[in-house]
Amino acid sequence: AGEMHAFDSPNLAPLATVGISIKENEHLILPQARGALRVHTKMDTRLLALRLVPGFDDTILRYMIKAGAESGSLRALVLQLYGTGNAPMVKDDLIECLREARELGILVIASTQCHRGSVMMGHYATGQALERVGVVSSNDMTLEAISCKVAYLLGRGDLSIDEIGNLMTVSMRGEVTHTDALPPPPFTSAYQRASRKGRYFY
């Protein structure tokens, strides 16, 4: 509670370091946007972030999703998962609950509880099960970046939930690393590592 990391971007090197002099990492600074500055004030904040813990009862999640869909007060659900996008276990009830959420028009986004790293949905059985029911990855975005991006995209009013889901891994202002540029997950096989380097082992 005594330390402040409010503006930390853990997956990005610092834009500058301050010592006797200021050293800027200019290669990390994005080019200035063209055109006049536009301030978007119509943000749709009907989203909920939920941190999963071992042994949680997903019954309450089902009730929240149903009530939120019926009242129109919930449009996006951000799940803070373990590691690279693993739930405590592949529970059929949880998977079915998330499938129902998607069918009710609620965007479901997977994020990680880890301070550094990225969600990699397709690499483990749990992530694959989540993908099959329509859960989308946030890659290496922080929870704050996810919330802001979703609120902006929902607030536009001209995008479907599926279109917003597709945009979650697309960098709009440098907030996310594209899936193809992410480092490989830990404990990948030699074949997977070799494939990324363009080599083949026989």
N, C-alpha and C. Protein backbone atom coordinates (compact mmCIF):
# COMPACT_ATOMS: atom_id res chain seq x y z
N ALA A 1 0.81 -1.21 0.00
CA ALA A 1 0.00 0.00 0.00
C ALA A 1 0.85 1.26 0.00
N GLY A 2 2.14 1.10 0.30
CA GLY A 2 2.99 2.28 0.38
C GLY A 2 3.73 2.61 -0.90
N GLU A 3 3.70 1.69 -1.88
CA GLU A 3 4.39 1.94 -3.15
C GLU A 3 3.41 2.31 -4.24
N MET A 4 3.85 3.11 -5.17
CA MET A 4 2.98 3.56 -6.25
C MET A 4 3.47 3.04 -7.59
N HIS A 5 2.64 2.26 -8.27
CA HIS A 5 2.95 1.76 -9.61
C HIS A 5 1.81 2.11 -10.55
N ALA A 6 1.19 3.24 -10.31
CA ALA A 6 -0.03 3.61 -11.04
C ALA A 6 0.21 3.73 -12.53
N PHE A 7 1.41 4.10 -12.94
CA PHE A 7 1.66 4.34 -14.36
C PHE A 7 2.69 3.36 -14.92
N ASP A 8 2.80 2.21 -14.30
CA ASP A 8 3.74 1.21 -14.75
C ASP A 8 3.22 0.50 -15.99
N SER A 9 4.08 0.32 -16.98
CA SER A 9 3.77 -0.50 -18.15
C SER A 9 4.75 -1.65 -18.15
N PRO A 10 4.43 -2.73 -17.44
CA PRO A 10 5.43 -3.77 -17.15
C PRO A 10 5.97 -4.50 -18.36
N ASN A 11 5.26 -4.51 -19.46
CA ASN A 11 5.74 -5.24 -20.64
C ASN A 11 6.50 -4.36 -21.63
N LEU A 12 6.74 -3.12 -21.26
CA LEU A 12 7.45 -2.19 -22.14
C LEU A 12 8.62 -1.56 -21.40
N ALA A 13 9.74 -1.46 -22.09
CA ALA A 13 10.89 -0.78 -21.50
C ALA A 13 10.55 0.69 -21.27
N PRO A 14 11.23 1.36 -20.33
CA PRO A 14 10.90 2.77 -20.07
C PRO A 14 11.15 3.65 -21.29
N LEU A 15 10.30 4.64 -21.48
CA LEU A 15 10.48 5.57 -22.59
C LEU A 15 11.70 6.46 -22.37
N ALA A 16 12.04 6.66 -21.09
CA ALA A 16 13.22 7.47 -20.76
C ALA A 16 13.68 7.10 -19.36
N THR A 17 14.96 7.29 -19.10
CA THR A 17 15.50 7.12 -17.76
C THR A 17 16.13 8.45 -17.34
N VAL A 18 15.91 8.79 -16.07
CA VAL A 18 16.38 10.08 -15.56
C VAL A 18 17.49 9.84 -14.55
N GLY A 19 18.63 10.41 -14.81
CA GLY A 19 19.76 10.37 -13.89
C GLY A 19 20.40 11.73 -13.89
N ILE A 20 21.72 11.77 -14.09
CA ILE A 20 22.38 13.06 -14.26
C ILE A 20 21.86 13.72 -15.53
N SER A 21 21.56 12.90 -16.51
CA SER A 21 20.93 13.38 -17.74
C SER A 21 19.69 12.55 -18.01
N ILE A 22 18.92 12.96 -18.97
CA ILE A 22 17.72 12.22 -19.37
C ILE A 22 18.03 11.47 -20.66
N LYS A 23 17.92 10.14 -20.58
CA LYS A 23 18.19 9.32 -21.76
C LYS A 23 16.87 8.79 -22.30
N GLU A 24 16.53 9.22 -23.50
CA GLU A 24 15.26 8.81 -24.13
C GLU A 24 15.48 7.58 -25.01
N ASN A 25 14.58 6.65 -24.94
CA ASN A 25 14.57 5.51 -25.85
C ASN A 25 13.67 5.85 -27.03
N GLU A 26 14.23 6.61 -27.95
CA GLU A 26 13.42 7.18 -29.03
C GLU A 26 12.78 6.13 -29.92
N HIS A 27 13.39 4.95 -30.02
CA HIS A 27 12.81 3.91 -30.88
C HIS A 27 11.49 3.37 -30.32
N LEU A 28 11.19 3.65 -29.05
CA LEU A 28 9.94 3.19 -28.45
C LEU A 28 8.81 4.22 -28.59
N ILE A 29 9.16 5.43 -28.96
CA ILE A 29 8.16 6.50 -29.02
C ILE A 29 7.41 6.42 -30.34
N LEU A 30 6.10 6.32 -30.27
CA LEU A 30 5.28 6.23 -31.48
C LEU A 30 5.26 7.57 -32.20
N PRO A 31 5.11 7.55 -33.52
CA PRO A 31 5.00 8.82 -34.25
C PRO A 31 3.72 9.56 -33.84
N GLN A 32 3.80 10.86 -33.92
CA GLN A 32 2.66 11.68 -33.54
C GLN A 32 1.50 11.43 -34.50
N ALA A 33 0.31 11.30 -33.93
CA ALA A 33 -0.88 11.08 -34.76
C ALA A 33 -1.12 12.28 -35.66
N ARG A 34 -1.63 11.99 -36.87
CA ARG A 34 -1.92 13.06 -37.82
C ARG A 34 -3.30 13.63 -37.55
N GLY A 35 -3.50 14.86 -37.89
CA GLY A 35 -4.80 15.49 -37.72
C GLY A 35 -4.96 16.12 -36.35
N ALA A 36 -6.10 16.75 -36.16
CA ALA A 36 -6.36 17.44 -34.90
C ALA A 36 -6.69 16.45 -33.79
N LEU A 37 -6.38 16.84 -32.57
CA LEU A 37 -6.69 16.02 -31.41
C LEU A 37 -8.20 15.91 -31.24
N ARG A 38 -8.67 14.67 -31.08
CA ARG A 38 -10.10 14.45 -30.82
C ARG A 38 -10.24 13.79 -29.45
N VAL A 39 -11.04 14.38 -28.60
CA VAL A 39 -11.29 13.84 -27.27
C VAL A 39 -12.60 13.07 -27.30
N HIS A 40 -12.53 11.78 -26.99
CA HIS A 40 -13.73 10.94 -26.99
C HIS A 40 -14.29 10.89 -25.58
N THR A 41 -15.46 11.46 -25.41
CA THR A 41 -16.07 11.53 -24.08
C THR A 41 -17.19 10.52 -23.89
N LYS A 42 -17.61 9.88 -24.97
CA LYS A 42 -18.70 8.91 -24.85
C LYS A 42 -18.10 7.53 -24.60
N MET A 43 -17.93 7.21 -23.33
CA MET A 43 -17.36 5.93 -22.93
C MET A 43 -18.46 5.07 -22.32
N ASP A 44 -18.55 3.84 -22.76
CA ASP A 44 -19.53 2.90 -22.23
C ASP A 44 -18.83 2.01 -21.21
N THR A 45 -19.05 2.27 -19.94
CA THR A 45 -18.33 1.57 -18.88
C THR A 45 -19.12 0.42 -18.26
N ARG A 46 -20.03 -0.14 -19.03
CA ARG A 46 -20.82 -1.27 -18.50
C ARG A 46 -20.01 -2.57 -18.62
N LEU A 47 -18.93 -2.61 -17.85
CA LEU A 47 -18.08 -3.80 -17.86
C LEU A 47 -17.73 -4.17 -16.42
N LEU A 48 -17.37 -5.44 -16.24
CA LEU A 48 -17.04 -5.97 -14.93
C LEU A 48 -15.74 -6.74 -15.04
N ALA A 49 -14.81 -6.49 -14.12
CA ALA A 49 -13.55 -7.25 -14.05
C ALA A 49 -13.64 -8.21 -12.87
N LEU A 50 -13.33 -9.47 -13.13
CA LEU A 50 -13.47 -10.51 -12.11
C LEU A 50 -12.17 -11.29 -12.00
N ARG A 51 -11.60 -11.32 -10.79
CA ARG A 51 -10.36 -12.05 -10.54
C ARG A 51 -10.70 -13.44 -10.03
N LEU A 52 -10.33 -14.46 -10.79
CA LEU A 52 -10.66 -15.83 -10.40
C LEU A 52 -9.67 -16.36 -9.37
N VAL A 53 -10.19 -17.14 -8.42
CA VAL A 53 -9.37 -17.75 -7.38
C VAL A 53 -9.70 -19.24 -7.31
N PRO A 54 -8.80 -20.05 -6.78
CA PRO A 54 -9.10 -21.49 -6.69
C PRO A 54 -10.35 -21.76 -5.86
N GLY A 55 -11.15 -22.68 -6.34
CA GLY A 55 -12.33 -23.11 -5.60
C GLY A 55 -13.52 -22.18 -5.67
N PHE A 56 -13.48 -21.18 -6.55
CA PHE A 56 -14.61 -20.25 -6.60
C PHE A 56 -15.87 -20.96 -7.11
N ASP A 57 -17.01 -20.46 -6.68
CA ASP A 57 -18.30 -21.02 -7.10
C ASP A 57 -18.81 -20.19 -8.27
N ASP A 58 -18.93 -20.80 -9.46
CA ASP A 58 -19.33 -20.02 -10.62
C ASP A 58 -20.83 -19.76 -10.69
N THR A 59 -21.58 -20.22 -9.68
CA THR A 59 -23.03 -19.96 -9.66
C THR A 59 -23.31 -18.46 -9.60
N ILE A 60 -22.55 -17.74 -8.78
CA ILE A 60 -22.76 -16.30 -8.66
C ILE A 60 -22.44 -15.60 -9.97
N LEU A 61 -21.45 -16.12 -10.69
CA LEU A 61 -21.11 -15.54 -11.99
C LEU A 61 -22.27 -15.70 -12.96
N ARG A 62 -22.90 -16.86 -12.95
CA ARG A 62 -24.05 -17.10 -13.82
C ARG A 62 -25.18 -16.12 -13.52
N TYR A 63 -25.43 -15.89 -12.22
CA TYR A 63 -26.48 -14.95 -11.82
C TYR A 63 -26.15 -13.53 -12.27
N MET A 64 -24.89 -13.13 -12.11
CA MET A 64 -24.48 -11.78 -12.51
C MET A 64 -24.64 -11.59 -14.01
N ILE A 65 -24.24 -12.58 -14.77
CA ILE A 65 -24.35 -12.49 -16.23
C ILE A 65 -25.81 -12.39 -16.65
N LYS A 66 -26.65 -13.23 -16.08
CA LYS A 66 -28.06 -13.23 -16.44
C LYS A 66 -28.71 -11.90 -16.07
N ALA A 67 -28.46 -11.43 -14.84
CA ALA A 67 -29.04 -10.15 -14.40
C ALA A 67 -28.52 -8.99 -15.22
N GLY A 68 -27.21 -9.01 -15.53
CA GLY A 68 -26.63 -7.93 -16.31
C GLY A 68 -27.16 -7.87 -17.73
N ALA A 69 -27.37 -9.06 -18.32
CA ALA A 69 -27.91 -9.12 -19.69
C ALA A 69 -29.36 -8.66 -19.72
N GLU A 70 -30.14 -9.08 -18.74
CA GLU A 70 -31.57 -8.72 -18.72
C GLU A 70 -31.78 -7.22 -18.49
N SER A 71 -30.93 -6.62 -17.65
CA SER A 71 -31.09 -5.20 -17.35
C SER A 71 -30.32 -4.30 -18.32
N GLY A 72 -29.43 -4.91 -19.12
CA GLY A 72 -28.60 -4.12 -20.04
C GLY A 72 -27.45 -3.42 -19.35
N SER A 73 -27.16 -3.82 -18.09
CA SER A 73 -26.11 -3.14 -17.32
C SER A 73 -24.74 -3.78 -17.48
N LEU A 74 -24.66 -4.89 -18.23
CA LEU A 74 -23.37 -5.55 -18.43
C LEU A 74 -23.17 -5.85 -19.91
N ARG A 75 -22.10 -5.29 -20.48
CA ARG A 75 -21.80 -5.52 -21.89
C ARG A 75 -20.47 -6.22 -22.11
N ALA A 76 -19.61 -6.19 -21.08
CA ALA A 76 -18.30 -6.85 -21.21
C ALA A 76 -17.86 -7.39 -19.86
N LEU A 77 -17.24 -8.56 -19.89
CA LEU A 77 -16.73 -9.22 -18.70
C LEU A 77 -15.25 -9.51 -18.89
N VAL A 78 -14.41 -8.99 -17.99
CA VAL A 78 -12.97 -9.23 -18.06
C VAL A 78 -12.60 -10.24 -16.98
N LEU A 79 -12.09 -11.38 -17.40
CA LEU A 79 -11.68 -12.42 -16.46
C LEU A 79 -10.17 -12.35 -16.24
N GLN A 80 -9.75 -12.16 -15.00
CA GLN A 80 -8.33 -12.18 -14.67
C GLN A 80 -7.96 -13.63 -14.35
N LEU A 81 -7.27 -14.26 -15.28
CA LEU A 81 -6.94 -15.68 -15.19
C LEU A 81 -5.50 -15.86 -14.72
N TYR A 82 -5.11 -17.13 -14.56
CA TYR A 82 -3.74 -17.44 -14.15
C TYR A 82 -2.81 -17.43 -15.36
N GLY A 83 -1.57 -17.08 -15.11
CA GLY A 83 -0.51 -17.25 -16.10
C GLY A 83 -0.87 -16.77 -17.49
N THR A 84 -0.77 -17.68 -18.45
CA THR A 84 -0.99 -17.32 -19.85
C THR A 84 -2.45 -17.47 -20.28
N GLY A 85 -3.35 -17.56 -19.31
CA GLY A 85 -4.77 -17.63 -19.64
C GLY A 85 -5.44 -18.91 -19.19
N ASN A 86 -5.04 -19.40 -18.01
CA ASN A 86 -5.63 -20.62 -17.48
C ASN A 86 -6.60 -20.30 -16.36
N ALA A 87 -7.77 -20.92 -16.38
CA ALA A 87 -8.71 -20.84 -15.28
C ALA A 87 -8.27 -21.85 -14.22
N PRO A 88 -8.82 -21.77 -13.00
CA PRO A 88 -8.43 -22.73 -11.97
C PRO A 88 -8.54 -24.18 -12.43
N MET A 89 -9.52 -24.47 -13.25
CA MET A 89 -9.64 -25.80 -13.85
C MET A 89 -10.67 -25.68 -14.97
N VAL A 90 -10.67 -26.65 -15.87
CA VAL A 90 -11.68 -26.62 -16.94
C VAL A 90 -12.97 -27.19 -16.37
N LYS A 91 -13.79 -26.31 -15.82
CA LYS A 91 -15.06 -26.76 -15.26
C LYS A 91 -16.14 -26.59 -16.32
N ASP A 92 -16.88 -27.65 -16.56
CA ASP A 92 -17.93 -27.59 -17.58
C ASP A 92 -18.93 -26.49 -17.28
N ASP A 93 -19.26 -26.30 -15.99
CA ASP A 93 -20.24 -25.27 -15.63
C ASP A 93 -19.74 -23.88 -15.97
N LEU A 94 -18.43 -23.64 -15.73
CA LEU A 94 -17.86 -22.33 -16.05
C LEU A 94 -17.84 -22.11 -17.55
N ILE A 95 -17.42 -23.11 -18.30
CA ILE A 95 -17.36 -22.98 -19.76
C ILE A 95 -18.75 -22.72 -20.31
N GLU A 96 -19.74 -23.43 -19.82
CA GLU A 96 -21.12 -23.24 -20.29
C GLU A 96 -21.64 -21.86 -19.90
N CYS A 97 -21.25 -21.39 -18.72
CA CYS A 97 -21.65 -20.06 -18.26
C CYS A 97 -21.10 -18.99 -19.19
N LEU A 98 -19.85 -19.13 -19.61
CA LEU A 98 -19.24 -18.15 -20.51
C LEU A 98 -19.82 -18.25 -21.91
N ARG A 99 -20.18 -19.46 -22.32
CA ARG A 99 -20.86 -19.61 -23.61
C ARG A 99 -22.20 -18.86 -23.61
N GLU A 100 -22.93 -18.99 -22.51
CA GLU A 100 -24.21 -18.29 -22.38
C GLU A 100 -24.02 -16.78 -22.40
N ALA A 101 -22.95 -16.32 -21.75
CA ALA A 101 -22.67 -14.88 -21.75
C ALA A 101 -22.47 -14.37 -23.18
N ARG A 102 -21.71 -15.09 -23.98
CA ARG A 102 -21.49 -14.69 -25.37
C ARG A 102 -22.78 -14.73 -26.17
N GLU A 103 -23.61 -15.74 -25.92
CA GLU A 103 -24.88 -15.83 -26.63
C GLU A 103 -25.82 -14.69 -26.25
N LEU A 104 -25.65 -14.16 -25.04
CA LEU A 104 -26.46 -13.03 -24.58
C LEU A 104 -25.88 -11.68 -25.03
N GLY A 105 -24.81 -11.73 -25.81
CA GLY A 105 -24.23 -10.50 -26.35
C GLY A 105 -23.23 -9.82 -25.45
N ILE A 106 -22.69 -10.55 -24.49
CA ILE A 106 -21.68 -9.99 -23.58
C ILE A 106 -20.30 -10.40 -24.07
N LEU A 107 -19.42 -9.44 -24.22
CA LEU A 107 -18.04 -9.71 -24.63
C LEU A 107 -17.27 -10.25 -23.43
N VAL A 108 -16.61 -11.38 -23.59
CA VAL A 108 -15.82 -11.98 -22.51
C VAL A 108 -14.35 -11.95 -22.90
N ILE A 109 -13.53 -11.33 -22.05
CA ILE A 109 -12.13 -11.09 -22.36
C ILE A 109 -11.25 -11.76 -21.31
N ALA A 110 -10.24 -12.47 -21.76
CA ALA A 110 -9.29 -13.12 -20.85
C ALA A 110 -8.07 -12.23 -20.65
N SER A 111 -7.74 -11.96 -19.39
CA SER A 111 -6.51 -11.24 -19.06
C SER A 111 -5.74 -12.08 -18.05
N THR A 112 -4.54 -11.64 -17.70
CA THR A 112 -3.72 -12.40 -16.77
C THR A 112 -3.57 -11.67 -15.44
N GLN A 113 -3.45 -12.43 -14.37
CA GLN A 113 -3.19 -11.85 -13.05
C GLN A 113 -1.72 -11.50 -12.88
N CYS A 114 -0.87 -11.99 -13.78
CA CYS A 114 0.57 -11.76 -13.67
C CYS A 114 0.92 -10.30 -14.00
N HIS A 115 1.91 -9.79 -13.28
CA HIS A 115 2.33 -8.40 -13.51
C HIS A 115 2.99 -8.24 -14.88
N ARG A 116 3.70 -9.28 -15.31
CA ARG A 116 4.34 -9.25 -16.63
C ARG A 116 3.91 -10.48 -17.41
N GLY A 117 4.01 -10.38 -18.73
CA GLY A 117 3.66 -11.52 -19.57
C GLY A 117 2.38 -11.28 -20.35
N SER A 118 1.87 -12.35 -20.92
CA SER A 118 0.75 -12.22 -21.85
C SER A 118 -0.17 -13.42 -21.77
N VAL A 119 -1.41 -13.19 -22.15
CA VAL A 119 -2.36 -14.28 -22.33
C VAL A 119 -2.06 -14.95 -23.67
N MET A 120 -2.01 -16.29 -23.68
CA MET A 120 -1.81 -17.06 -24.91
C MET A 120 -2.85 -18.17 -24.94
N MET A 121 -3.99 -17.84 -25.48
CA MET A 121 -5.18 -18.68 -25.33
C MET A 121 -5.04 -20.08 -25.92
N GLY A 122 -4.39 -20.22 -27.05
CA GLY A 122 -4.44 -21.49 -27.76
C GLY A 122 -3.39 -22.51 -27.37
N HIS A 123 -2.59 -22.23 -26.34
CA HIS A 123 -1.45 -23.09 -26.05
C HIS A 123 -1.72 -24.17 -25.01
N TYR A 124 -2.79 -24.04 -24.24
CA TYR A 124 -3.10 -25.02 -23.21
C TYR A 124 -4.58 -25.38 -23.29
N ALA A 125 -4.93 -26.53 -22.71
CA ALA A 125 -6.30 -27.06 -22.84
C ALA A 125 -7.34 -26.08 -22.32
N THR A 126 -7.06 -25.43 -21.18
CA THR A 126 -8.04 -24.50 -20.62
C THR A 126 -8.28 -23.33 -21.56
N GLY A 127 -7.21 -22.76 -22.07
CA GLY A 127 -7.34 -21.64 -22.99
C GLY A 127 -8.07 -22.01 -24.27
N GLN A 128 -7.82 -23.23 -24.75
CA GLN A 128 -8.49 -23.70 -25.95
C GLN A 128 -9.99 -23.85 -25.71
N ALA A 129 -10.36 -24.33 -24.52
CA ALA A 129 -11.78 -24.47 -24.18
C ALA A 129 -12.45 -23.11 -24.10
N LEU A 130 -11.74 -22.13 -23.55
CA LEU A 130 -12.29 -20.77 -23.47
C LEU A 130 -12.46 -20.17 -24.86
N GLU A 131 -11.46 -20.40 -25.72
CA GLU A 131 -11.53 -19.89 -27.10
C GLU A 131 -12.74 -20.45 -27.83
N ARG A 132 -13.01 -21.73 -27.63
CA ARG A 132 -14.11 -22.38 -28.36
C ARG A 132 -15.47 -21.77 -28.03
N VAL A 133 -15.62 -21.21 -26.83
CA VAL A 133 -16.92 -20.62 -26.47
C VAL A 133 -16.95 -19.12 -26.71
N GLY A 134 -15.88 -18.58 -27.34
CA GLY A 134 -15.91 -17.18 -27.75
C GLY A 134 -15.20 -16.20 -26.85
N VAL A 135 -14.44 -16.69 -25.86
CA VAL A 135 -13.65 -15.79 -25.02
C VAL A 135 -12.48 -15.27 -25.86
N VAL A 136 -12.21 -13.96 -25.79
CA VAL A 136 -11.13 -13.37 -26.58
C VAL A 136 -9.96 -12.99 -25.68
N SER A 137 -8.78 -12.98 -26.27
CA SER A 137 -7.56 -12.67 -25.53
C SER A 137 -7.32 -11.17 -25.48
N SER A 138 -6.67 -10.74 -24.39
CA SER A 138 -6.24 -9.34 -24.29
C SER A 138 -4.74 -9.22 -24.51
N ASN A 139 -4.10 -10.35 -24.86
CA ASN A 139 -2.64 -10.39 -25.03
C ASN A 139 -1.93 -9.83 -23.80
N ASP A 140 -1.12 -8.79 -23.95
CA ASP A 140 -0.34 -8.29 -22.81
C ASP A 140 -0.84 -6.96 -22.27
N MET A 141 -2.09 -6.62 -22.50
CA MET A 141 -2.63 -5.37 -21.98
C MET A 141 -2.82 -5.45 -20.46
N THR A 142 -2.62 -4.33 -19.81
CA THR A 142 -2.94 -4.24 -18.38
C THR A 142 -4.46 -4.17 -18.23
N LEU A 143 -4.93 -4.43 -17.02
CA LEU A 143 -6.37 -4.37 -16.77
C LEU A 143 -6.92 -2.97 -17.06
N GLU A 144 -6.14 -1.95 -16.70
CA GLU A 144 -6.58 -0.57 -16.94
C GLU A 144 -6.69 -0.28 -18.44
N ALA A 145 -5.73 -0.78 -19.23
CA ALA A 145 -5.78 -0.58 -20.67
C ALA A 145 -6.97 -1.31 -21.28
N ILE A 146 -7.23 -2.52 -20.81
CA ILE A 146 -8.38 -3.28 -21.31
C ILE A 146 -9.67 -2.52 -21.04
N SER A 147 -9.82 -2.05 -19.81
CA SER A 147 -11.06 -1.35 -19.42
C SER A 147 -11.28 -0.10 -20.24
N CYS A 148 -10.20 0.67 -20.44
CA CYS A 148 -10.30 1.91 -21.21
C CYS A 148 -10.63 1.61 -22.67
N LYS A 149 -9.95 0.62 -23.24
CA LYS A 149 -10.16 0.28 -24.65
C LYS A 149 -11.58 -0.21 -24.89
N VAL A 150 -12.06 -1.10 -24.02
CA VAL A 150 -13.42 -1.63 -24.17
C VAL A 150 -14.44 -0.52 -24.02
N ALA A 151 -14.26 0.35 -23.03
CA ALA A 151 -15.20 1.45 -22.83
C ALA A 151 -15.26 2.36 -24.05
N TYR A 152 -14.10 2.63 -24.65
CA TYR A 152 -14.06 3.46 -25.86
C TYR A 152 -14.76 2.77 -27.03
N LEU A 153 -14.42 1.50 -27.26
CA LEU A 153 -14.98 0.79 -28.41
C LEU A 153 -16.49 0.58 -28.26
N LEU A 154 -16.95 0.27 -27.05
CA LEU A 154 -18.38 0.15 -26.83
C LEU A 154 -19.07 1.50 -27.00
N GLY A 155 -18.41 2.56 -26.53
CA GLY A 155 -19.00 3.89 -26.59
C GLY A 155 -19.13 4.45 -27.99
N ARG A 156 -18.36 3.91 -28.94
CA ARG A 156 -18.47 4.38 -30.32
C ARG A 156 -19.87 4.16 -30.88
N GLY A 157 -20.45 3.03 -30.56
CA GLY A 157 -21.82 2.75 -30.99
C GLY A 157 -21.95 2.22 -32.40
N ASP A 158 -20.82 2.07 -33.12
CA ASP A 158 -20.90 1.61 -34.52
C ASP A 158 -20.22 0.26 -34.72
N LEU A 159 -19.90 -0.42 -33.63
CA LEU A 159 -19.20 -1.71 -33.73
C LEU A 159 -20.01 -2.80 -33.04
N SER A 160 -20.01 -3.99 -33.65
CA SER A 160 -20.66 -5.13 -33.01
C SER A 160 -19.73 -5.71 -31.94
N ILE A 161 -20.28 -6.57 -31.09
CA ILE A 161 -19.47 -7.22 -30.05
C ILE A 161 -18.36 -8.05 -30.70
N ASP A 162 -18.67 -8.74 -31.79
CA ASP A 162 -17.64 -9.54 -32.47
C ASP A 162 -16.53 -8.65 -33.04
N GLU A 163 -16.90 -7.50 -33.58
CA GLU A 163 -15.89 -6.58 -34.12
C GLU A 163 -15.00 -6.03 -33.00
N ILE A 164 -15.60 -5.73 -31.86
CA ILE A 164 -14.82 -5.25 -30.72
C ILE A 164 -13.87 -6.35 -30.24
N GLY A 165 -14.37 -7.59 -30.20
CA GLY A 165 -13.51 -8.71 -29.82
C GLY A 165 -12.32 -8.85 -30.74
N ASN A 166 -12.53 -8.68 -32.03
CA ASN A 166 -11.43 -8.78 -33.00
C ASN A 166 -10.42 -7.66 -32.82
N LEU A 167 -10.86 -6.52 -32.32
CA LEU A 167 -9.97 -5.37 -32.15
C LEU A 167 -9.16 -5.43 -30.86
N MET A 168 -9.46 -6.37 -29.98
CA MET A 168 -8.76 -6.42 -28.69
C MET A 168 -7.26 -6.68 -28.86
N THR A 169 -6.88 -7.42 -29.87
CA THR A 169 -5.45 -7.70 -30.08
C THR A 169 -4.83 -6.81 -31.16
N VAL A 170 -5.56 -5.79 -31.58
CA VAL A 170 -5.06 -4.84 -32.57
C VAL A 170 -4.62 -3.57 -31.85
N SER A 171 -3.39 -3.16 -32.06
CA SER A 171 -2.88 -1.96 -31.41
C SER A 171 -3.47 -0.71 -32.05
N MET A 172 -4.13 0.10 -31.24
CA MET A 172 -4.70 1.35 -31.72
C MET A 172 -3.81 2.53 -31.34
N ARG A 173 -3.23 2.46 -30.14
CA ARG A 173 -2.35 3.53 -29.65
C ARG A 173 -1.14 2.95 -28.92
N GLY A 174 -0.70 1.76 -29.34
CA GLY A 174 0.45 1.15 -28.69
C GLY A 174 0.14 0.43 -27.39
N GLU A 175 -1.15 0.14 -27.16
CA GLU A 175 -1.57 -0.44 -25.88
C GLU A 175 -1.40 -1.95 -25.80
N VAL A 176 -1.16 -2.61 -26.93
CA VAL A 176 -1.10 -4.07 -26.94
C VAL A 176 -0.07 -4.53 -27.96
N THR A 177 0.57 -5.65 -27.66
CA THR A 177 1.49 -6.28 -28.60
C THR A 177 0.71 -7.28 -29.44
N HIS A 178 0.90 -7.21 -30.76
CA HIS A 178 0.19 -8.13 -31.65
C HIS A 178 0.60 -9.57 -31.33
N THR A 179 -0.33 -10.49 -31.52
CA THR A 179 -0.12 -11.89 -31.18
C THR A 179 1.14 -12.45 -31.84
N ASP A 180 1.38 -12.11 -33.10
CA ASP A 180 2.55 -12.64 -33.82
C ASP A 180 3.88 -12.15 -33.25
N ALA A 181 3.85 -11.04 -32.51
CA ALA A 181 5.08 -10.47 -31.98
C ALA A 181 5.35 -10.88 -30.53
N LEU A 182 4.44 -11.64 -29.94
CA LEU A 182 4.63 -12.05 -28.55
C LEU A 182 5.70 -13.14 -28.46
N PRO A 183 6.43 -13.18 -27.35
CA PRO A 183 7.41 -14.26 -27.18
C PRO A 183 6.69 -15.60 -27.03
N PRO A 184 7.37 -16.71 -27.33
CA PRO A 184 6.72 -18.01 -27.20
C PRO A 184 6.41 -18.31 -25.74
N PRO A 185 5.39 -19.12 -25.47
CA PRO A 185 5.06 -19.46 -24.09
C PRO A 185 6.16 -20.30 -23.46
N PRO A 186 6.22 -20.34 -22.13
CA PRO A 186 7.24 -21.18 -21.49
C PRO A 186 7.00 -22.65 -21.77
N PHE A 187 8.09 -23.42 -21.76
CA PHE A 187 8.04 -24.87 -21.93
C PHE A 187 7.49 -25.29 -23.29
N THR A 188 7.72 -24.48 -24.31
CA THR A 188 7.31 -24.90 -25.65
C THR A 188 8.22 -26.02 -26.12
N SER A 189 7.73 -26.80 -27.03
CA SER A 189 8.52 -27.91 -27.54
C SER A 189 9.62 -27.40 -28.46
N ALA A 190 10.62 -28.26 -28.68
CA ALA A 190 11.71 -27.89 -29.58
C ALA A 190 11.17 -27.62 -30.98
N TYR A 191 10.15 -28.37 -31.37
CA TYR A 191 9.57 -28.17 -32.70
C TYR A 191 8.95 -26.77 -32.82
N GLN A 192 8.20 -26.35 -31.77
CA GLN A 192 7.58 -25.03 -31.80
C GLN A 192 8.65 -23.93 -31.84
N ARG A 193 9.70 -24.09 -31.04
CA ARG A 193 10.76 -23.08 -31.04
C ARG A 193 11.45 -23.01 -32.39
N ALA A 194 11.69 -24.19 -32.99
CA ALA A 194 12.36 -24.24 -34.29
C ALA A 194 11.49 -23.64 -35.38
N SER A 195 10.19 -23.89 -35.29
CA SER A 195 9.26 -23.38 -36.30
C SER A 195 9.28 -21.86 -36.32
N ARG A 196 9.37 -21.25 -35.14
CA ARG A 196 9.39 -19.80 -35.07
C ARG A 196 10.65 -19.23 -35.72
N LYS A 197 11.73 -20.01 -35.70
CA LYS A 197 12.99 -19.55 -36.29
C LYS A 197 13.13 -19.97 -37.75
N GLY A 198 12.13 -20.69 -38.27
CA GLY A 198 12.18 -21.09 -39.66
C GLY A 198 13.03 -22.30 -39.91
N ARG A 199 13.37 -23.05 -38.83
CA ARG A 199 14.15 -24.26 -39.01
C ARG A 199 13.26 -25.48 -38.83
N TYR A 200 13.69 -26.58 -39.36
CA TYR A 200 12.93 -27.82 -39.22
C TYR A 200 13.86 -28.94 -38.78
N PHE A 201 13.42 -29.68 -37.80
CA PHE A 201 14.19 -30.83 -37.31
C PHE A 201 13.55 -32.10 -37.84
N TYR A 202 14.35 -33.03 -38.30
CA TYR A 202 13.81 -34.28 -38.83
C TYR A 202 14.23 -35.44 -37.93
